[in-house]
Amino acid sequence: MGDDSPYANDPTFAAAFAFGWQSYLQRGQSAVTTPVAREPLPFEKAEPELVSNWRSIEAANKQTLPWEQAREAARDAWNRVQEALMDGSPKPSAH
């Protein structure tokens, strides 16, 4: 997963890409597996929480990449994991 993403191996965006797929596994996947909700959680609905988490990480690690720049890499990873888990075949994301 991520080998064909422009963000996965780019040193500038790799942390944001990893944050995106890890966040989906922690937050997004639970939305699909809860008895009440069976729909995947869109990135945009999770984004307020993701922004807060990224900024906490950014402050703790003295990251230099603000959310506004990290957002697309995180969204790309989130969508790739979501699609792979939903139908087993990741698709390129639209930027």
Protein backbone atom coordinates (compact mmCIF):
# COMPACT_ATOMS: atom_id res chain seq x y z
CA MET A 1 0.00 0.00 0.00
CA GLY A 2 1.37 3.37 -0.91
CA ASP A 3 4.08 2.31 -3.31
CA ASP A 4 2.47 4.29 -6.10
CA SER A 5 1.62 7.26 -3.90
CA PRO A 6 3.66 10.36 -4.57
CA TYR A 7 3.78 10.93 -0.80
CA ALA A 8 4.78 7.55 0.65
CA ASN A 9 8.50 7.78 -0.07
CA ASP A 10 8.90 11.55 -0.18
CA PRO A 11 10.86 12.58 2.93
CA THR A 12 8.85 15.78 3.18
CA PHE A 13 5.49 14.01 3.28
CA ALA A 14 6.28 10.49 4.57
CA ALA A 15 5.30 11.31 8.17
CA ALA A 16 1.99 12.79 7.02
CA PHE A 17 1.33 9.76 4.81
CA ALA A 18 2.04 7.40 7.72
CA PHE A 19 -0.17 9.53 9.96
CA GLY A 20 -3.00 9.21 7.44
CA TRP A 21 -3.02 5.43 7.20
CA GLN A 22 -2.46 4.97 10.92
CA SER A 23 -5.31 7.38 11.66
CA TYR A 24 -7.64 5.45 9.38
CA LEU A 25 -6.81 2.20 11.12
CA GLN A 26 -7.40 3.83 14.51
CA ARG A 27 -10.40 6.04 13.74
CA GLY A 28 -11.86 5.39 10.32
CA GLN A 29 -12.02 1.64 10.46
CA SER A 30 -13.96 1.70 13.73
CA ALA A 31 -16.74 3.60 11.96
CA VAL A 32 -17.17 0.68 9.57
CA THR A 33 -17.06 -2.03 12.21
CA THR A 34 -19.46 -0.54 14.77
CA PRO A 35 -22.92 -2.14 14.78
CA VAL A 36 -24.66 1.19 14.13
CA ALA A 37 -22.51 2.46 11.26
CA ARG A 38 -21.51 0.40 8.28
CA GLU A 39 -20.44 3.25 6.02
CA PRO A 40 -16.80 4.26 5.76
CA LEU A 41 -15.89 7.44 7.58
CA PRO A 42 -14.95 10.10 5.03
CA PHE A 43 -11.68 11.89 5.61
CA GLU A 44 -13.48 15.22 5.71
CA LYS A 45 -15.66 14.14 8.66
CA ALA A 46 -12.63 12.95 10.60
CA GLU A 47 -10.50 15.93 9.65
CA PRO A 48 -11.18 18.14 12.70
CA GLU A 49 -9.88 15.38 14.97
CA LEU A 50 -7.00 14.65 12.60
CA VAL A 51 -5.95 18.31 12.56
CA SER A 52 -5.88 18.36 16.34
CA ASN A 53 -3.88 15.14 16.50
CA TRP A 54 -1.42 16.31 13.83
CA ARG A 55 -0.86 19.60 15.60
CA SER A 56 -0.17 17.77 18.87
CA ILE A 57 2.36 15.56 17.10
CA GLU A 58 3.76 18.58 15.29
CA ALA A 59 4.32 20.43 18.58
CA ALA A 60 5.76 17.41 20.41
CA ASN A 61 8.13 16.46 17.61
CA LYS A 62 8.83 19.95 16.39
CA GLN A 63 7.59 18.98 12.94
CA THR A 64 8.06 21.64 10.32
CA LEU A 65 5.17 20.54 8.11
CA PRO A 66 1.95 22.35 8.99
CA TRP A 67 -1.39 20.59 8.51
CA GLU A 68 -2.17 22.68 5.45
CA GLN A 69 0.79 21.04 3.70
CA ALA A 70 0.42 17.60 5.31
CA ARG A 71 -3.31 17.32 4.56
CA GLU A 72 -3.13 15.88 1.03
CA ALA A 73 -0.61 13.21 1.99
CA ALA A 74 -2.72 12.20 4.99
CA ARG A 75 -5.88 12.15 2.88
CA ASP A 76 -4.19 10.07 0.18
CA ALA A 77 -3.14 7.45 2.72
CA TRP A 78 -6.54 7.50 4.49
CA ASN A 79 -8.37 6.92 1.19
CA ARG A 80 -5.99 4.21 0.02
CA VAL A 81 -6.36 2.19 3.23
CA GLN A 82 -10.12 2.70 3.25
CA GLU A 83 -10.47 1.52 -0.34
CA ALA A 84 -8.15 -1.44 0.18
CA LEU A 85 -10.09 -2.60 3.23
CA MET A 86 -13.49 -2.00 1.65
CA ASP A 87 -12.91 -3.81 -1.64
CA GLY A 88 -9.40 -5.16 -1.55
CA SER A 89 -8.07 -3.07 -4.42
CA PRO A 90 -6.45 0.32 -3.76
CA LYS A 91 -7.11 2.95 -6.37
CA PRO A 92 -5.12 6.07 -7.10
CA SER A 93 -6.53 9.06 -5.28
CA ALA A 94 -7.51 12.24 -7.03
CA HIS A 95 -5.53 15.22 -5.86
